[in-house]
Protein backbone atom coordinates (compact mmCIF):
# COMPACT_ATOMS: atom_id res chain seq x y z
CA MET A 1 6.75 -28.40 -30.73
CA THR A 2 8.10 -24.97 -31.05
CA GLN A 3 10.95 -24.28 -28.74
CA ILE A 4 10.79 -21.00 -26.57
CA SER A 5 14.89 -19.63 -26.78
CA SER A 6 16.04 -18.10 -23.70
CA THR A 7 16.17 -14.42 -25.25
CA GLN A 8 12.59 -14.52 -25.73
CA LEU A 9 12.22 -14.66 -21.84
CA ILE A 10 13.68 -11.28 -20.92
CA PRO A 11 12.37 -8.74 -18.55
CA LEU A 12 10.38 -5.98 -19.65
CA GLU A 13 12.64 -3.66 -21.73
CA ALA A 14 12.90 0.25 -21.26
CA THR A 15 11.29 1.39 -24.81
CA GLU A 16 8.33 -1.15 -23.52
CA ARG A 17 7.53 0.47 -20.41
CA ILE A 18 4.35 2.67 -20.66
CA GLN A 19 5.43 6.03 -18.61
CA SER A 20 1.93 6.81 -17.42
CA LEU A 21 2.22 3.37 -15.12
CA ASP A 22 5.84 4.45 -14.25
CA VAL A 23 4.49 8.00 -13.21
CA MET A 24 1.63 6.81 -11.17
CA ARG A 25 3.59 4.14 -9.66
CA GLY A 26 6.12 6.85 -8.66
CA ILE A 27 3.17 8.89 -7.31
CA VAL A 28 1.29 6.63 -5.18
CA LEU A 29 4.72 5.24 -3.45
CA PHE A 30 4.91 8.54 -2.35
CA GLY A 31 1.02 8.75 -0.84
CA ILE A 32 1.85 5.43 0.49
CA LEU A 33 4.55 6.74 2.54
CA LEU A 34 2.25 9.74 3.84
CA MET A 35 -0.03 7.05 5.46
CA ASN A 36 2.60 4.66 6.64
CA ILE A 37 4.79 7.05 8.36
CA ASN A 38 2.10 7.25 11.21
CA MET A 39 2.73 3.17 11.91
CA PHE A 40 6.69 3.50 11.45
CA GLY A 41 6.59 6.76 14.21
CA LEU A 42 4.01 6.26 16.56
CA ALA A 43 2.15 3.53 18.38
CA ASN A 44 -1.49 1.85 17.97
CA SER A 45 -2.81 5.41 16.52
CA TYR A 46 -3.37 4.77 12.98
CA ASN A 47 -7.14 4.10 13.49
CA ASP A 48 -7.55 6.83 16.32
CA PRO A 49 -5.12 9.61 16.41
CA THR A 50 -5.87 10.38 19.75
CA VAL A 51 -3.87 7.78 21.01
CA ALA A 52 -0.58 9.19 20.30
CA GLY A 53 0.94 12.06 18.02
CA GLY A 54 -1.05 14.90 18.95
CA PHE A 55 -4.50 15.86 17.78
CA THR A 56 -4.88 19.55 17.88
CA GLY A 57 -3.87 22.48 15.80
CA TRP A 58 -1.66 21.02 13.01
CA ASN A 59 -1.73 17.62 14.26
CA LEU A 60 -5.67 17.42 13.51
CA TYR A 61 -5.29 19.42 10.22
CA THR A 62 -2.86 16.80 9.01
CA TRP A 63 -5.08 13.73 10.13
CA ILE A 64 -8.02 15.22 8.58
CA ALA A 65 -6.10 15.75 5.22
CA THR A 66 -4.28 12.69 5.17
CA ASN A 67 -7.35 10.77 5.76
CA ILE A 68 -9.98 12.21 3.44
CA PHE A 69 -7.70 12.18 0.13
CA PHE A 70 -4.95 9.44 1.20
CA GLU A 71 -6.47 7.16 3.45
CA GLY A 72 -6.78 3.56 1.70
CA THR A 73 -6.90 5.41 -1.89
CA MET A 74 -2.81 4.77 -1.72
CA ARG A 75 -2.90 1.15 -1.39
CA GLY A 76 -5.62 0.70 -3.47
CA LEU A 77 -3.87 2.27 -6.34
CA PHE A 78 -1.08 0.52 -5.50
CA SER A 79 -2.97 -2.61 -5.49
CA LEU A 80 -4.30 -1.60 -8.68
CA LEU A 81 -0.83 -0.79 -10.50
CA PHE A 82 0.44 -4.27 -9.04
CA GLY A 83 -2.65 -6.13 -10.71
CA VAL A 84 -1.62 -4.39 -13.79
CA GLY A 85 1.83 -5.12 -13.69
CA MET A 86 1.09 -8.56 -12.97
CA PHE A 87 -1.39 -8.76 -16.06
CA ILE A 88 1.57 -7.42 -18.31
CA PHE A 89 3.96 -9.39 -17.38
CA LEU A 90 2.26 -12.68 -18.00
CA ASP A 91 0.63 -10.89 -21.04
CA ARG A 92 3.95 -10.27 -22.79
CA LEU A 93 5.46 -13.68 -21.99
CA THR A 94 2.65 -15.53 -23.64
CA LYS A 95 2.55 -13.40 -26.86
CA ARG A 96 6.21 -14.12 -27.19
CA GLY A 97 4.95 -17.94 -26.87
CA ALA A 98 6.02 -19.00 -23.81
CA GLY A 99 3.01 -21.18 -22.92
CA ILE A 100 3.75 -23.32 -19.80
CA LYS A 101 7.00 -21.50 -19.08
CA ALA A 102 4.75 -18.06 -18.62
CA ALA A 103 2.91 -19.82 -15.94
CA ASP A 104 6.36 -20.84 -14.46
CA ILE A 105 8.12 -17.79 -14.23
CA PHE A 106 4.93 -16.00 -13.07
CA PHE A 107 4.51 -18.49 -10.23
CA ARG A 108 8.20 -17.98 -9.03
CA ARG A 109 8.34 -14.28 -9.36
CA LEU A 110 4.97 -14.34 -6.81
CA THR A 111 6.97 -17.05 -4.39
CA TRP A 112 9.81 -14.91 -4.26
CA LEU A 113 7.48 -11.72 -3.61
CA LEU A 114 6.40 -13.64 -0.53
CA VAL A 115 9.74 -14.22 0.82
CA PHE A 116 10.71 -10.38 0.26
CA GLY A 117 7.60 -9.90 2.18
CA LEU A 118 8.29 -11.80 5.15
CA ILE A 119 11.73 -10.88 4.96
CA HIS A 120 10.85 -7.12 5.19
CA GLY A 121 8.18 -7.82 7.70
CA TYR A 122 10.06 -9.48 10.26
CA LEU A 123 13.76 -8.40 9.67
CA LEU A 124 13.17 -4.60 8.35
CA LEU A 125 10.70 -3.99 10.93
CA TRP A 126 7.78 -2.97 9.38
CA THR A 127 4.48 -4.08 10.55
CA GLY A 128 2.34 -2.98 7.91
CA GLU A 129 3.96 -4.93 5.24
CA ILE A 130 1.72 -5.36 2.16
CA LEU A 131 4.31 -7.50 -0.12
CA TYR A 132 3.19 -10.86 1.27
CA ASP A 133 -0.57 -9.95 0.48
CA TYR A 134 0.17 -9.15 -2.94
CA ALA A 135 1.91 -12.06 -3.15
CA LEU A 136 -1.01 -14.17 -2.35
CA MET A 137 -3.64 -12.50 -3.75
CA GLY A 138 -1.58 -12.37 -7.07
CA PHE A 139 -1.64 -16.35 -7.00
CA LEU A 140 -5.85 -15.65 -7.73
CA VAL A 141 -4.93 -13.43 -10.14
CA TYR A 142 -3.79 -15.84 -12.78
CA SER A 143 -7.15 -17.16 -13.35
CA PHE A 144 -8.64 -13.89 -13.92
CA ARG A 145 -5.71 -12.55 -16.52
CA ASN A 146 -7.85 -13.53 -19.57
CA MET A 147 -11.57 -12.34 -18.64
CA ALA A 148 -13.36 -9.57 -20.09
CA PRO A 149 -13.33 -6.03 -18.62
CA LYS A 150 -16.57 -6.29 -17.78
CA LYS A 151 -16.23 -9.61 -16.06
CA LEU A 152 -13.42 -8.36 -13.86
CA ILE A 153 -15.26 -5.30 -12.62
CA LEU A 154 -18.02 -7.84 -11.79
CA ALA A 155 -15.73 -9.70 -9.96
CA ALA A 156 -14.41 -6.97 -8.16
CA ILE A 157 -17.83 -5.54 -7.15
CA VAL A 158 -18.82 -9.00 -5.94
CA LEU A 159 -15.43 -9.28 -3.78
CA VAL A 160 -16.18 -5.60 -2.57
CA LEU A 161 -19.93 -6.34 -1.48
CA ALA A 162 -18.65 -9.36 0.39
CA GLY A 163 -16.27 -7.20 2.37
CA SER A 164 -19.18 -4.64 3.27
CA VAL A 165 -20.94 -7.32 4.37
CA TRP A 166 -18.29 -8.49 6.74
CA ASN A 167 -17.74 -4.53 7.95
CA TYR A 168 -21.60 -4.63 8.71
CA SER A 169 -20.93 -8.03 10.86
CA ASP A 170 -18.17 -5.96 12.68
CA PHE A 171 -20.49 -2.68 12.67
CA ARG A 172 -23.07 -4.76 14.86
CA LYS A 173 -20.81 -6.26 16.64
CA SER A 174 -19.08 -3.19 17.95
CA GLU A 175 -22.70 -1.95 18.90
CA LYS A 176 -23.42 -5.06 21.17
CA LEU A 177 -20.01 -4.43 22.57
CA VAL A 178 -21.07 -1.28 23.79
CA ALA A 179 -24.62 -2.25 25.06
CA ASP A 180 -22.79 -5.10 26.86
CA VAL A 181 -20.40 -2.47 28.75
CA ALA A 182 -23.26 -0.59 29.61
CA LEU A 183 -25.06 -3.57 30.74
CA ILE A 184 -21.98 -5.01 32.71
CA ASP A 185 -21.91 -1.60 34.44
CA SER A 186 -25.47 -2.02 35.76
CA TYR A 187 -24.77 -5.75 36.69
CA LYS A 188 -21.59 -4.16 38.62
CA THR A 189 -24.00 -1.50 40.50
CA GLU A 190 -26.73 -3.99 41.34
CA ASN A 191 -23.93 -6.64 42.48
CA LYS A 192 -25.34 -9.10 39.95
CA GLU A 193 -23.07 -12.22 39.00
CA LEU A 194 -21.51 -11.51 35.30
CA THR A 195 -22.76 -13.85 32.69
CA LYS A 196 -20.33 -15.87 30.97
CA GLU A 197 -21.01 -13.94 27.58
CA LEU A 198 -20.89 -10.78 29.53
CA LYS A 199 -17.17 -11.46 31.05
CA GLU A 200 -16.08 -12.15 27.36
CA SER A 201 -17.01 -8.87 26.38
CA GLN A 202 -15.69 -7.14 29.22
CA THR A 203 -12.71 -8.97 28.69
CA GLN A 204 -12.46 -7.59 25.20
CA TRP A 205 -13.42 -4.16 26.10
CA GLU A 206 -10.43 -4.32 28.84
CA LYS A 207 -8.05 -4.84 26.09
CA MET A 208 -8.97 -2.27 23.74
CA GLN A 209 -8.93 -0.10 26.36
CA GLU A 210 -5.62 -1.29 27.62
CA ASP A 211 -4.24 -0.97 23.79
CA ARG A 212 -4.32 2.97 23.93
CA SER A 213 -3.73 3.61 27.68
CA PRO A 214 -0.66 5.57 28.40
CA GLU A 215 1.23 2.81 29.91
CA THR A 216 0.79 0.59 26.70
CA ILE A 217 1.93 3.36 24.83
CA ALA A 218 4.92 4.61 26.71
CA GLU A 219 5.76 0.66 26.68
CA PHE A 220 5.45 0.39 22.93
CA ASN A 221 7.74 3.59 22.43
CA SER A 222 10.21 2.34 25.37
CA SER A 223 10.50 -1.34 22.89
CA MET A 224 10.90 0.18 19.51
CA GLN A 225 13.76 2.27 20.93
CA LYS A 226 15.65 -0.69 21.92
CA GLY A 227 18.32 -2.29 19.90
CA TYR A 228 17.95 -4.17 16.51
CA PHE A 229 17.56 -7.98 17.86
CA ASP A 230 14.83 -6.53 20.82
CA VAL A 231 12.82 -4.76 18.32
CA VAL A 232 12.57 -7.79 15.90
CA ALA A 233 11.65 -9.85 18.62
CA PHE A 234 8.89 -7.39 20.02
CA LEU A 235 7.54 -6.94 16.42
CA ALA A 236 7.19 -10.56 15.56
CA PRO A 237 3.66 -11.16 16.93
CA ILE A 238 2.51 -8.27 15.53
CA ASN A 239 3.95 -9.05 12.21
CA PHE A 240 2.06 -12.81 12.66
CA GLN A 241 -1.08 -11.43 13.19
CA THR A 242 -0.71 -8.92 10.20
CA ASP A 243 0.48 -12.07 8.26
CA VAL A 244 -2.66 -14.63 9.16
CA TYR A 245 -5.39 -12.15 10.31
CA MET A 246 -5.09 -9.35 8.38
CA SER A 247 -4.23 -11.07 4.96
CA TYR A 248 -7.55 -13.22 5.26
CA ARG A 249 -9.78 -10.32 6.54
CA TYR A 250 -9.15 -7.71 4.25
CA GLY A 251 -7.02 -9.21 1.08
CA PRO A 252 -9.69 -10.19 -1.19
CA TRP A 253 -12.03 -7.66 -0.70
CA ASP A 254 -8.96 -4.85 -0.37
CA VAL A 255 -6.39 -5.90 -2.58
CA LEU A 256 -7.85 -8.45 -5.17
CA SER A 257 -10.85 -6.53 -5.67
CA MET A 258 -8.44 -3.25 -7.06
CA MET A 259 -5.84 -5.71 -8.71
CA LEU A 260 -9.03 -6.87 -10.67
CA ILE A 261 -10.27 -3.53 -11.73
CA GLY A 262 -6.52 -2.13 -12.56
CA ILE A 263 -6.77 -5.25 -15.21
CA ALA A 264 -10.16 -3.95 -16.74
CA MET A 265 -9.09 -0.46 -16.79
CA PHE A 266 -5.98 -1.55 -18.73
CA LYS A 267 -7.54 -3.75 -21.05
CA TRP A 268 -10.00 -0.47 -21.63
CA ASN A 269 -6.38 1.50 -22.34
CA ILE A 270 -7.27 4.16 -19.91
CA LEU A 271 -4.13 3.52 -17.64
CA SER A 272 -1.99 4.16 -20.76
CA ALA A 273 -3.17 7.57 -20.91
CA GLU A 274 -4.88 7.20 -24.54
CA LYS A 275 -8.29 8.90 -23.59
CA SER A 276 -8.78 12.54 -24.01
CA PHE A 277 -8.31 15.12 -21.64
CA ALA A 278 -12.11 15.32 -20.84
CA PHE A 279 -12.23 11.63 -20.45
CA TYR A 280 -9.56 12.14 -17.35
CA ALA A 281 -11.14 15.54 -16.15
CA GLY A 282 -14.71 13.72 -16.26
CA MET A 283 -13.41 10.70 -14.03
CA ALA A 284 -11.49 13.14 -11.72
CA ALA A 285 -14.71 15.37 -11.39
CA ILE A 286 -16.91 12.25 -10.79
CA GLY A 287 -14.51 10.24 -8.56
CA TYR A 288 -13.88 13.06 -6.35
CA LEU A 289 -17.41 14.32 -6.00
CA ILE A 290 -18.76 10.98 -4.78
CA GLY A 291 -15.49 9.68 -2.99
CA LEU A 292 -14.89 12.94 -1.10
CA SER A 293 -17.90 13.32 -0.24
CA VAL A 294 -18.06 9.85 1.42
CA ASN A 295 -14.86 10.14 3.06
CA TYR A 296 -16.26 13.66 4.56
CA TYR A 297 -19.15 11.87 5.85
CA GLU A 298 -16.84 8.89 7.44
CA LEU A 299 -14.90 11.75 8.90
CA ARG A 300 -18.05 13.62 10.26
CA VAL A 301 -19.19 9.87 12.02
CA VAL A 302 -15.70 9.13 13.44
CA LEU A 303 -15.33 12.88 15.03
CA ASP A 304 -18.71 12.84 16.37
CA GLY A 305 -18.04 9.87 17.65
CA GLN A 306 -15.20 10.93 19.36
CA PHE A 307 -13.19 7.38 17.77
CA SER A 308 -15.41 5.00 19.51
CA PRO A 309 -15.30 1.43 18.52
CA VAL A 310 -18.94 1.95 17.01
CA ALA A 311 -18.21 5.22 15.30
CA ILE A 312 -15.15 3.48 13.35
CA ALA A 313 -16.99 0.64 12.96
CA LYS A 314 -20.17 2.82 11.24
CA SER A 315 -17.44 4.86 9.23
CA ASN A 316 -16.37 1.75 7.91
CA LEU A 317 -19.84 0.78 6.07
CA THR A 318 -19.23 3.42 3.18
CA TYR A 319 -15.23 2.84 3.34
CA GLU A 320 -15.14 0.97 0.00
CA VAL A 321 -17.64 3.54 -2.06
CA GLY A 322 -15.13 6.01 -0.81
CA ARG A 323 -12.62 4.83 -1.27
CA ILE A 324 -12.93 2.87 -4.99
CA PHE A 325 -14.54 6.50 -5.91
CA THR A 326 -11.39 8.46 -4.76
CA CYS A 327 -9.19 6.43 -6.22
CA MET A 328 -10.95 7.04 -9.37
CA GLY A 329 -10.45 10.66 -9.13
CA HIS A 330 -7.01 10.39 -8.35
CA ILE A 331 -6.55 8.25 -11.61
CA GLY A 332 -8.17 11.17 -13.59
CA LEU A 333 -6.05 13.86 -12.22
CA ILE A 334 -2.56 11.90 -12.27
CA LEU A 335 -3.25 11.04 -16.07
CA ILE A 336 -4.27 14.56 -16.95
CA PHE A 337 -0.80 15.40 -15.39
CA CYS A 338 0.96 12.69 -17.41
CA LYS A 339 -0.74 13.70 -20.58
CA ALA A 340 0.25 17.90 -20.06
CA ASN A 341 3.18 19.37 -21.46
CA PHE A 342 4.63 20.89 -18.42
CA LEU A 343 6.67 19.75 -15.47
CA ILE A 344 8.24 17.33 -17.61
CA TRP A 345 11.18 17.05 -15.35
CA LEU A 346 8.96 16.07 -12.51
CA LYS A 347 7.43 13.56 -14.51
CA SER A 348 10.45 11.84 -15.45
CA SER A 349 11.74 11.58 -11.45
CA LEU A 350 8.44 10.04 -10.97
CA SER A 351 8.83 7.83 -13.53
CA ALA A 352 11.83 6.75 -12.12
CA VAL A 353 10.90 6.09 -8.79
CA GLY A 354 7.54 4.28 -10.15
CA LYS A 355 10.89 1.94 -12.38
CA MET A 356 12.35 1.58 -9.18
CA ALA A 357 8.82 1.05 -6.61
CA LEU A 358 10.32 -2.66 -4.67
CA THR A 359 13.87 -1.03 -4.52
CA ASN A 360 12.02 2.59 -3.07
CA TYR A 361 9.33 0.60 -1.39
CA ILE A 362 12.29 -1.26 1.05
CA MET A 363 13.88 1.60 1.30
CA HIS A 364 11.26 3.48 3.11
CA SER A 365 11.41 0.66 5.89
CA LEU A 366 15.33 1.30 5.66
CA ILE A 367 15.20 4.49 6.36
CA CYS A 368 12.56 4.77 8.83
CA MET A 369 14.38 1.81 10.99
CA VAL A 370 16.88 4.05 11.20
CA VAL A 371 15.20 7.40 12.14
CA PHE A 372 12.65 5.71 14.83
CA THR A 373 14.35 2.56 15.91
CA GLY A 374 16.88 1.98 18.35
CA VAL A 375 19.05 0.90 15.37
CA GLY A 376 19.54 4.55 14.44
CA PHE A 377 18.10 7.89 16.26
CA GLY A 378 15.17 6.27 17.97
CA LEU A 379 12.59 8.62 17.66
CA PHE A 380 9.71 6.38 17.82
CA GLY A 381 6.80 8.56 19.62
CA LYS A 382 8.81 11.09 19.97
CA LEU A 383 7.41 13.41 16.76
CA GLN A 384 3.92 14.71 16.66
CA ARG A 385 2.07 13.73 13.77
CA TYR A 386 2.46 17.01 11.85
CA GLU A 387 6.09 16.61 12.44
CA LEU A 388 6.13 13.16 10.79
CA LEU A 389 5.85 15.09 7.85
CA TYR A 390 9.17 16.13 7.72
CA VAL A 391 10.56 12.96 7.26
CA VAL A 392 8.38 12.35 4.44
CA PHE A 393 9.35 14.84 2.64
CA SER A 394 13.03 14.35 2.97
CA ILE A 395 12.39 10.85 1.62
CA TRP A 396 10.89 12.36 -1.26
CA ILE A 397 13.53 14.67 -2.32
CA PHE A 398 16.19 11.99 -1.71
CA GLN A 399 14.27 9.32 -3.73
CA LEU A 400 13.51 12.11 -6.58
CA ILE A 401 17.01 12.76 -6.94
CA LEU A 402 18.19 9.44 -6.39
CA SER A 403 16.35 7.47 -8.57
CA PRO A 404 16.84 9.03 -11.76
CA ILE A 405 20.57 9.51 -10.96
CA TRP A 406 20.79 5.34 -10.40
CA LEU A 407 18.80 4.67 -13.67
CA ARG A 408 21.24 6.66 -15.82
CA TYR A 409 23.65 3.88 -15.03
CA PHE A 410 21.58 1.19 -14.07
CA HIS A 411 19.00 -0.83 -16.16
CA PHE A 412 17.22 -1.84 -12.54
CA GLY A 413 16.62 -0.92 -9.11
CA PRO A 414 18.41 -3.01 -6.74
CA MET A 415 15.52 -5.12 -5.76
CA GLU A 416 14.38 -4.84 -9.41
CA TRP A 417 17.22 -6.81 -10.76
CA LEU A 418 17.27 -9.35 -8.06
CA TRP A 419 13.82 -10.05 -8.53
CA ARG A 420 14.18 -10.58 -12.27
CA ASN A 421 16.86 -12.61 -11.72
CA LEU A 422 15.31 -14.94 -8.91
CA SER A 423 12.15 -14.94 -11.55
CA TYR A 424 13.47 -16.03 -14.71
CA GLN A 425 16.72 -18.07 -12.99
CA LYS A 426 19.32 -16.35 -14.94
CA VAL A 427 21.59 -13.30 -14.11
CA HIS A 428 20.93 -10.41 -16.16
CA PRO A 429 23.27 -7.30 -16.63
CA ILE A 430 22.54 -4.63 -14.09
CA ARG A 431 25.01 -1.65 -15.29
CA LYS A 432 24.43 -0.09 -18.63
CA GLU A 433 27.33 0.53 -20.92
CA LEU A 434 28.21 4.22 -21.07
CA PRO A 435 28.59 5.53 -24.96
CA VAL A 436 32.07 5.77 -25.88
CA PRO A 437 33.50 9.74 -25.76
CA VAL A 438 34.10 10.81 -29.16
CA ALA A 439 37.25 11.46 -28.55
CA SER A 440 38.43 8.03 -27.57
CA LEU A 441 36.82 6.89 -31.24
CA THR A 442 38.90 9.40 -33.35
CA GLY A 443 42.28 9.02 -31.63
CA ILE A 444 42.41 12.48 -29.82
CA GLN A 445 43.97 12.76 -27.13
């Protein structure tokens, strides 16, 4: 039996990386923050901006722009890229003859990612944590790795359709809830006793109204402005709900589907920027034409419905169509940027951000914890929606500067290095060996 040397089972070398993936990962990471900042700094207003953060003037324009272009698409592209990363990871080990050891390292890597996700959510105070979901869905990706691209797309379509059926079910439930509320009002007018079913609807409706009430928002803001351990305790039930319900409700159709699409596109050599400019231009044009049209329709549904539960649920009926096609538009545009011979310095910096994606993602939470919670400045609930963009742009600039400087002296970001060590059960050197100055080699003093 062929023995696998430890030198064969090593992390991806810098020369083996695909720059277009790193650039895309950097751009998408920044886009993720553009959406996440609303949860970092505001209470219960991600789906309904009328609850907190302001909804007129620049606040309105900010919400419209981010929801049409970025809502769902950045998460979708992040999932897509994560699926590609896992495929490359496994494929590389397999081609080096790792055999069963490849699976061993792969599943250990995902197990540690799950642990990182739990720590990130509960201890770094981020209720929108996604690493936990990536780990869970990543365990399933292993079984799809050898599928042909067309079969991967078919599997993704099946998953998306299943999620859409669930969305339709939610829409019908929201319609029934609103109808029940109207019926409850008539029962009260006529002094009739509510049925058990109507009492349950009343409780559900009252809970929904309570979550968006000024009193609840004020209490939420106050809780987030307290000390570290108070905030940990306050957010723990929310994190638990996210890990249990949200992973089950959205993981397979929202996350896994995009992972499979990403692997298929990588196998077709689309994501490595190997296709022509015309190909990517057509991809961007078709993607944006369909995706943004659907997104605009959903926007009108929600605005015209004044963010009612029925309006929001109705907009979700076409959510996946708009999201996926807009993602394709983004990919086409990003890969045109990757192939073009301009803004080389920006591509280089974005590539560095992408190479340190895990570190920079965790850094978002650390910075926002200091900015928004009582650990630091306690600005939670104090900034308007458009003012949150100042925080976003500041973090972008900071990471665009820091990431290239860090990678000049180190092979990996701190979190990437830790993840590799735990995955391979071996400590890898992190610091680069700097070249010896010529003067030292020649003996010149």
